[in-house]
Structures are given as C-alpha cells and as structure tokens.
Protein backbone atom coordinates (compact mmCIF):
# COMPACT_ATOMS: atom_id res chain seq x y z
CA UNK A 1 46.62 124.43 -14.22
CA UNK A 2 43.74 125.81 -16.22
CA UNK A 3 40.35 124.36 -15.75
CA UNK A 4 37.54 124.63 -18.24
CA UNK A 5 33.89 124.02 -16.97
CA UNK A 6 31.10 124.29 -19.51
CA UNK A 7 27.88 125.47 -17.83
CA UNK A 8 25.89 126.89 -20.78
CA UNK A 9 23.32 124.27 -21.05
CA UNK A 10 19.54 124.91 -20.77
CA UNK A 11 18.93 122.12 -18.24
CA UNK A 12 15.66 121.23 -19.97
CA UNK A 13 15.33 117.98 -18.12
CA UNK A 14 15.27 119.79 -14.80
CA UNK A 15 12.48 122.24 -15.49
CA UNK A 16 10.66 123.99 -13.85
CA UNK A 17 13.66 124.71 -11.67
CA UNK A 18 15.81 125.77 -14.63
CA UNK A 19 13.28 128.25 -16.04
CA UNK A 20 14.64 130.80 -13.45
CA UNK A 21 17.99 129.29 -12.28
CA UNK A 22 20.83 127.68 -14.26
CA UNK A 23 21.40 123.91 -13.56
CA UNK A 24 24.81 124.43 -12.23
CA UNK A 25 23.27 126.41 -9.29
CA UNK A 26 20.78 123.87 -8.15
CA UNK A 27 21.69 122.71 -4.56
CA UNK A 28 22.76 119.26 -3.51
CA UNK A 29 23.89 118.40 -0.01
CA UNK A 30 23.92 122.19 1.08
CA UNK A 31 25.87 123.64 -1.88
CA UNK A 32 25.31 124.30 -5.60
CA UNK A 33 26.51 121.69 -8.12
CA UNK A 34 29.04 124.09 -9.37
CA UNK A 35 30.55 124.46 -5.84
CA UNK A 36 31.17 120.87 -5.54
CA UNK A 37 32.97 120.84 -8.90
CA UNK A 38 35.05 123.93 -8.37
CA UNK A 39 36.13 122.60 -4.85
CA UNK A 40 37.24 119.40 -6.32
CA UNK A 41 39.05 121.04 -9.16
CA UNK A 42 41.00 123.33 -6.83
CA UNK A 43 42.00 120.33 -4.59
CA UNK A 44 43.45 118.71 -7.76
CA UNK A 45 45.62 121.74 -8.48
CA UNK A 46 43.34 124.02 -10.60
CA UNK A 47 44.36 127.71 -10.04
CA UNK A 48 42.73 129.35 -13.20
CA UNK A 49 39.21 128.83 -14.19
CA UNK A 50 37.22 129.45 -17.43
CA UNK A 51 33.54 128.98 -17.22
CA UNK A 52 31.51 128.63 -20.45
CA UNK A 53 28.20 130.23 -19.74
CA UNK A 54 25.07 130.94 -21.62
CA UNK A 55 21.41 130.91 -20.41
CA UNK A 56 21.26 132.83 -16.96
CA UNK A 57 25.09 132.87 -16.78
CA UNK A 58 25.14 136.04 -14.89
CA UNK A 59 23.79 134.04 -11.78
CA UNK A 60 26.67 131.54 -12.06
CA UNK A 61 29.21 134.49 -12.37
CA UNK A 62 27.64 136.19 -9.28
CA UNK A 63 27.82 133.12 -7.06
CA UNK A 64 31.34 132.23 -8.05
CA UNK A 65 32.68 135.80 -7.34
CA UNK A 66 30.97 135.73 -3.95
CA UNK A 67 32.35 132.43 -2.82
CA UNK A 68 35.75 131.90 -4.55
CA UNK A 69 38.94 134.02 -4.85
CA UNK A 70 40.66 132.02 -7.60
CA UNK A 71 41.38 133.79 -11.01
CA UNK A 72 38.17 133.31 -13.10
CA UNK A 73 37.09 134.20 -16.59
CA UNK A 74 33.56 133.77 -17.99
CA UNK A 75 33.17 133.38 -21.76
CA UNK A 76 29.60 133.05 -23.42
CA UNK A 77 28.78 130.36 -25.73
CA UNK A 78 26.47 132.25 -28.04
CA UNK A 79 25.05 129.14 -29.74
CA UNK A 80 24.53 125.71 -28.33
CA UNK A 81 26.65 123.85 -30.83
CA UNK A 82 27.91 121.06 -28.62
CA UNK A 83 30.61 120.16 -25.98
CA UNK A 84 33.40 120.52 -28.53
CA UNK A 85 32.37 124.01 -29.42
CA UNK A 86 31.99 124.84 -25.77
CA UNK A 87 35.49 123.64 -25.00
CA UNK A 88 36.98 125.57 -27.97
CA UNK A 89 35.28 128.79 -26.49
CA UNK A 90 37.43 128.29 -23.40
CA UNK A 91 40.73 127.47 -25.16
CA UNK A 92 43.65 129.77 -25.84
CA UNK A 93 46.47 129.37 -28.38
CA UNK A 94 49.17 128.86 -25.68
CA UNK A 95 47.19 126.32 -23.62
CA UNK A 96 49.18 123.25 -22.29
CA UNK A 97 47.93 121.35 -19.25
CA UNK A 98 44.12 121.53 -19.14
CA UNK A 99 41.46 120.05 -17.01
CA UNK A 100 37.96 119.84 -18.33
CA UNK A 101 34.99 119.04 -16.12
CA UNK A 102 31.33 119.03 -17.30
CA UNK A 103 29.26 121.53 -15.17
CA UNK A 104 26.67 118.93 -14.27
CA UNK A 105 28.91 116.06 -13.26
CA UNK A 106 30.20 115.24 -9.73
CA UNK A 107 32.57 112.35 -9.53
CA UNK A 108 33.62 110.28 -6.39
CA UNK A 109 37.29 110.30 -5.80
CA UNK A 110 40.52 112.44 -5.90
CA UNK A 111 41.25 113.95 -9.35
CA UNK A 112 45.01 114.34 -8.42
CA UNK A 113 46.09 110.95 -9.93
CA UNK A 114 44.43 112.08 -13.24
CA UNK A 115 46.43 115.27 -13.42
CA UNK A 116 49.62 113.84 -12.24
CA UNK A 117 49.75 110.81 -14.61
CA UNK A 118 52.06 112.47 -16.98
CA UNK A 119 49.80 111.71 -19.97
CA UNK A 120 46.44 112.89 -21.29
CA UNK A 121 43.66 111.15 -19.38
CA UNK A 122 39.94 110.46 -19.76
CA UNK A 123 37.93 109.43 -16.66
CA UNK A 124 35.72 106.46 -17.31
CA UNK A 125 33.28 104.16 -15.47
CA UNK A 126 32.08 100.66 -16.49
CA UNK A 127 28.24 100.76 -17.11
CA UNK A 128 25.73 98.10 -17.80
CA UNK A 129 24.15 99.89 -20.86
CA UNK A 130 26.57 102.25 -22.65
CA UNK A 131 24.19 103.24 -25.39
CA UNK A 132 23.48 106.65 -23.80
CA UNK A 133 27.11 107.50 -23.40
CA UNK A 134 30.38 108.17 -25.24
CA UNK A 135 32.67 105.22 -24.77
CA UNK A 136 36.43 104.35 -25.25
CA UNK A 137 38.21 101.32 -26.64
CA UNK A 138 41.45 100.22 -25.21
CA UNK A 139 44.46 98.41 -26.27
CA UNK A 140 47.12 97.61 -23.73
CA UNK A 141 45.65 100.31 -21.36
CA UNK A 142 45.83 103.00 -24.09
CA UNK A 143 42.73 104.52 -25.81
CA UNK A 144 42.52 103.58 -29.45
CA UNK A 145 39.02 104.85 -30.42
CA UNK A 146 36.23 107.04 -28.91
CA UNK A 147 32.64 106.64 -29.99
CA UNK A 148 29.81 108.93 -29.10
CA UNK A 149 26.45 107.37 -28.21
CA UNK A 150 26.38 104.43 -30.51
CA UNK A 151 23.34 102.13 -30.56
CA UNK A 152 25.76 99.21 -30.46
CA UNK A 153 28.66 100.46 -28.37
CA UNK A 154 31.83 98.37 -28.66
CA UNK A 155 32.77 99.03 -25.05
CA UNK A 156 31.17 99.48 -21.65
CA UNK A 157 33.60 102.05 -20.46
CA UNK A 158 31.57 105.19 -20.50
CA UNK A 159 33.24 108.68 -20.57
CA UNK A 160 32.12 110.42 -17.35
CA UNK A 161 32.89 114.08 -18.26
CA UNK A 162 36.47 114.58 -16.74
CA UNK A 163 39.41 115.09 -19.11
CA UNK A 164 42.95 115.99 -18.46
CA UNK A 165 44.71 117.15 -21.69
CA UNK A 166 48.39 117.96 -21.81
CA UNK A 167 48.19 119.37 -25.35
CA UNK A 168 45.62 122.08 -24.97
CA UNK A 169 46.62 124.07 -28.06
CA UNK A 170 46.54 121.01 -30.24
CA UNK A 171 43.06 120.10 -28.87
CA UNK A 172 41.91 123.57 -30.05
CA UNK A 173 43.21 122.85 -33.47
CA UNK A 174 41.52 119.46 -33.56
CA UNK A 175 38.20 120.99 -32.62
CA UNK A 176 38.54 123.54 -35.35
CA UNK A 177 39.17 120.64 -37.83
CA UNK A 178 36.13 118.90 -36.68
CA UNK A 179 34.09 122.13 -37.27
CA UNK A 180 35.62 122.75 -40.54
CA UNK A 181 34.91 119.18 -41.77
CA UNK A 182 31.33 119.41 -40.50
CA UNK A 183 31.69 116.37 -38.18
CA UNK A 184 28.62 116.34 -35.94
CA UNK A 185 26.45 113.98 -33.88
CA UNK A 186 22.81 115.03 -33.86
CA UNK A 187 23.89 118.54 -35.14
CA UNK A 188 26.56 119.18 -32.39
CA UNK A 189 30.34 119.17 -32.51
CA UNK A 190 31.54 116.64 -30.01
CA UNK A 191 34.70 116.74 -27.97
CA UNK A 192 35.16 112.98 -28.59
CA UNK A 193 35.62 113.56 -32.32
CA UNK A 194 38.40 116.08 -31.60
CA UNK A 195 40.08 113.67 -29.19
CA UNK A 196 39.87 111.00 -31.83
CA UNK A 197 41.79 113.22 -34.13
CA UNK A 198 44.53 113.66 -31.48
CA UNK A 199 44.70 109.84 -31.18
CA UNK A 200 45.17 109.58 -34.93
CA UNK A 201 48.00 112.25 -34.74
CA UNK A 202 49.86 109.93 -32.26
CA UNK A 203 48.97 111.55 -29.01
CA UNK A 204 48.71 109.01 -26.19
CA UNK A 205 45.53 109.05 -24.01
CA UNK A 206 44.89 106.61 -21.18
CA UNK A 207 41.95 106.16 -18.83
CA UNK A 208 41.42 106.60 -15.17
CA UNK A 209 38.53 104.55 -13.60
CA UNK A 210 36.04 106.42 -11.45
CA UNK A 211 34.06 104.60 -8.71
CA UNK A 212 31.11 106.97 -8.35
CA UNK A 213 29.71 109.12 -11.03
CA UNK A 214 26.69 111.47 -10.68
CA UNK A 215 25.26 113.22 -13.59
CA UNK A 216 22.90 115.81 -12.03
CA UNK A 217 20.78 116.27 -15.26
CA UNK A 218 17.41 114.83 -14.03
CA UNK A 219 15.43 115.25 -10.70
CA UNK A 220 16.00 111.70 -9.62
CA UNK A 221 19.58 112.00 -10.41
CA UNK A 222 19.76 115.18 -8.30
CA UNK A 223 18.22 113.47 -5.34
CA UNK A 224 20.60 110.48 -5.74
CA UNK A 225 23.55 112.91 -5.77
CA UNK A 226 22.23 114.46 -2.65
CA UNK A 227 22.13 111.19 -0.86
CA UNK A 228 25.66 110.19 -2.04
CA UNK A 229 27.25 113.46 -0.96
CA UNK A 230 25.54 113.21 2.47
CA UNK A 231 26.81 109.62 2.82
CA UNK A 232 30.25 110.61 1.82
CA UNK A 233 30.68 114.02 3.65
CA UNK A 234 28.00 113.86 6.33
CA UNK A 235 25.71 116.76 7.18
CA UNK A 236 26.32 120.13 8.75
CA UNK A 237 24.13 122.90 10.19
CA UNK A 238 24.62 126.57 10.25
CA UNK A 239 23.11 128.92 12.87
CA UNK A 240 19.42 127.66 12.99
CA UNK A 241 16.43 127.97 15.21
CA UNK A 242 15.14 124.59 16.24
CA UNK A 243 11.96 124.25 18.44
CA UNK A 244 10.36 121.01 19.55
CA UNK A 245 11.90 119.17 16.60
CA UNK A 246 13.95 116.15 15.76
CA UNK A 247 16.75 116.04 13.30
CA UNK A 248 17.68 112.53 11.72
CA UNK A 249 21.16 112.93 10.04
CA UNK A 250 22.63 113.52 7.62
CA UNK A 251 21.00 116.87 6.80
CA UNK A 252 22.10 120.25 5.94
CA UNK A 253 20.35 123.31 7.48
CA UNK A 254 21.59 126.61 6.20
CA UNK A 255 21.73 129.87 8.18
CA UNK A 256 18.40 131.45 9.03
CA UNK A 257 16.48 128.17 8.98
CA UNK A 258 13.57 127.97 11.46
CA UNK A 259 12.38 124.46 12.34
CA UNK A 260 9.31 124.05 14.63
CA UNK A 261 7.58 120.91 15.73
CA UNK A 262 8.95 118.88 12.75
CA UNK A 263 11.07 115.79 11.95
CA UNK A 264 13.76 116.53 9.36
CA UNK A 265 15.82 113.83 7.65
CA UNK A 266 17.66 111.80 6.71
CA UNK A 267 18.95 113.13 3.33
CA UNK A 268 17.49 116.72 3.66
CA UNK A 269 19.10 119.79 2.41
CA UNK A 270 17.30 123.06 3.43
CA UNK A 271 18.50 126.45 2.03
CA UNK A 272 18.91 129.77 3.83
CA UNK A 273 15.90 131.53 5.56
CA UNK A 274 13.46 128.72 5.10
CA UNK A 275 10.65 128.12 7.70
CA UNK A 276 9.35 124.52 8.41
CA UNK A 277 6.55 123.99 10.91
CA UNK A 278 4.57 120.89 11.72
CA UNK A 279 6.29 118.97 8.99
CA UNK A 280 7.98 115.61 8.23
CA UNK A 281 10.59 115.78 5.55
CA UNK A 282 13.08 113.12 4.24
CA UNK A 283 15.04 112.63 1.07
CA UNK A 284 14.45 116.16 -0.22
CA UNK A 285 16.14 119.39 -1.48
CA UNK A 286 14.46 122.64 -0.47
CA UNK A 287 15.90 125.88 -1.82
CA UNK A 288 16.19 129.11 0.11
CA UNK A 289 13.35 131.27 1.47
CA UNK A 290 10.69 128.60 1.33
CA UNK A 291 7.89 128.10 3.77
CA UNK A 292 6.50 124.60 4.48
CA UNK A 293 3.84 123.90 6.96
CA UNK A 294 1.68 120.96 7.97
CA UNK A 295 3.23 118.83 5.26
CA UNK A 296 4.80 115.44 4.78
CA UNK A 297 7.30 115.38 1.92
CA UNK A 298 9.74 112.77 0.57
CA UNK A 299 11.72 112.38 -2.67
CA UNK A 300 10.99 116.09 -3.47
CA UNK A 301 12.72 119.08 -4.98
CA UNK A 302 11.30 122.48 -3.90
CA UNK A 303 12.52 125.65 -5.57
CA UNK A 304 13.20 129.03 -4.12
CA UNK A 305 10.51 131.12 -2.39
CA UNK A 306 8.06 128.37 -2.47
CA UNK A 307 5.08 128.03 -0.08
CA UNK A 308 3.56 124.58 0.72
CA UNK A 309 0.78 123.83 3.18
CA UNK A 310 -1.05 120.72 4.02
CA UNK A 311 0.43 118.32 1.49
CA UNK A 312 1.43 114.69 1.61
CA UNK A 313 3.14 114.24 -1.74
CA UNK A 314 6.32 113.83 -3.77
CA UNK A 315 6.76 117.25 -5.31
CA UNK A 316 8.94 118.85 -7.87
CA UNK A 317 8.18 122.64 -7.63
CA UNK A 318 10.07 125.45 -9.21
CA UNK A 319 10.70 129.00 -7.96
CA UNK A 320 7.85 131.11 -6.35
CA UNK A 321 5.33 128.25 -6.45
CA UNK A 322 2.55 127.94 -4.01
CA UNK A 323 0.56 124.83 -3.14
CA UNK A 324 -1.91 124.17 -0.30
CA UNK A 325 -4.67 121.79 0.65
C-alpha cells in the first residue's frame, strides 16, 4: 500500500524551532513526529512511501534514510498551494489503494481497521468547536458532504488528517479539476473539495472514529502529545550516565546523556548527548546536544545545542540559544 505524507509546511506556529529544523523532525517522547507517523503507517501495511517536502526537506530525507529501510520517494512541493496540491504532487496515474497521513498529526489507535474496511475512509473525531476544522456530514453512516473550516459547521465530526482512498487515480483527476476550476479556501486547493467531487461521482466514503488525535502544530500541543505518548507507551532510556540523580518516570533519556545531581521527570524527553547538572526538569522536551545547569524547568521546549544556566522558567528556545542568570 502506498502512503503519502505531506511534510512541506513551514511550521510558523512552532517558531523559533522551525527556523532551523522542519516541524516533522521536532521530537516528542524520544522520537521525531515523522518517526511516530511512519511507524504507525508501516504497522497498518504501508510498504511504499512518498514524502512531499519543501522547506528544509533535506533534513527529513536524511533522517528517514538513516532510520528506515522501506521504499521511499521524496517529491518537492515548489509552492505552498494547499493540501490538495500537496497530495496531487504525490499521486501517480496508476494509484489504487492509498493512505494519506498529514505530517504533523499523531492519532491514537490502530490504523488497520481503516485500510481493511473495503471502502474509502476518512478518520474523524467529535469536537466541541468544529469551526477550525474540516468536517463531514453523514447519512446512514456514509459521507454525504465535506465542509472546510466553516464559521457555522453543520457537524462536529472533525477530519483528523488520515485518509484511506481506494480510488487513487480518480482522486488525482478530482484534484486537477479543483485546480482547473479555481476552487480554493483562503487561496489554497483543499483535499476536501476533491473528495467532495468523488462523492458527487458516486464513490462511497465512510468514516472511522479516532479516540485520540494530536495535532503537533503549536508548542502547547507538542507538549500535550509528548505526555500522551509517554502515558500510552511508557518511557525508555538508552546508555546514559546517571550520578546522584532521581528519575521520575515516564521519561526518555537518549544515548550519551549525562545527568548529575538532578531530578528528571515525569514527561521529560532528552535528546542525545545532553548534559544536565543540578537541575529539576518536568514536562519538557530537550533536543540533542544541549547543556542545562542550575535550572528549574517545566512546560518547556528547548532546541538543539542550547545552553541554560540559573533559570526558573517556562522556556521555548530554538537552536543554539544561550540563556543564563
């Protein structure tokens, strides 16, 4: 089964981290976002991957080649023209079964029921306020209409960013028609409009409810996803050096981490080759090669190669930052 994962976005809501690193590579619970997504897609039967890249896409390509052996292809989206355009970039004329997963979305649950349903499927979740999401309308369990980010949504079934399409080639034709007709939302070609055309052509689409859905698009959401994954999967530690310190699980401490006279956890992910001394850290994501000393940190995201000394704060620092008291 072919899997298309769009990862071309700029990640502007996660700056300063995304100035130097693509959003898909930001770590949660000891692994980049894209790693969690690829693992889930492989478990569901994905055996051929097309990644739609853009800004800093070479970093994504490097990471995936280092960590995965599945067939992979990388296609660049030259202009940010919306999700529909991104998916079209990944489609081929002979596509049939197709799994599409947004590159910043982690869902809770097994995707196998979606890809074995025998019909095209959209993953959904009930939300209290659907105005920020695309939604579906149903009749007797079948999708009848898709609406993108309406100020008055007719449904609270939000589209969560996972799609299984059995008619891949026809989806490509529908996206081309959307582009030719100039159908846009805020200047972008949306996948929902192409799926609506498929519905009008008589193609049946059903929904699959998702219990947990984590959009890693903002700092607070990234920390929330970090906590969820730790609660679901637990923590794990590589070969680390621990001196006069206490670990409160769940945490992930990557290889080469040194912890001295510190209390770490719960819900802390620390990347490779970090040094932590005389610190108390909880509910935080700390990227590789950072140095933290004499600090108390909580609800914080710390970028790569960052130095922090003498702080008692919530911090959101990008790559190569330095802050001291």
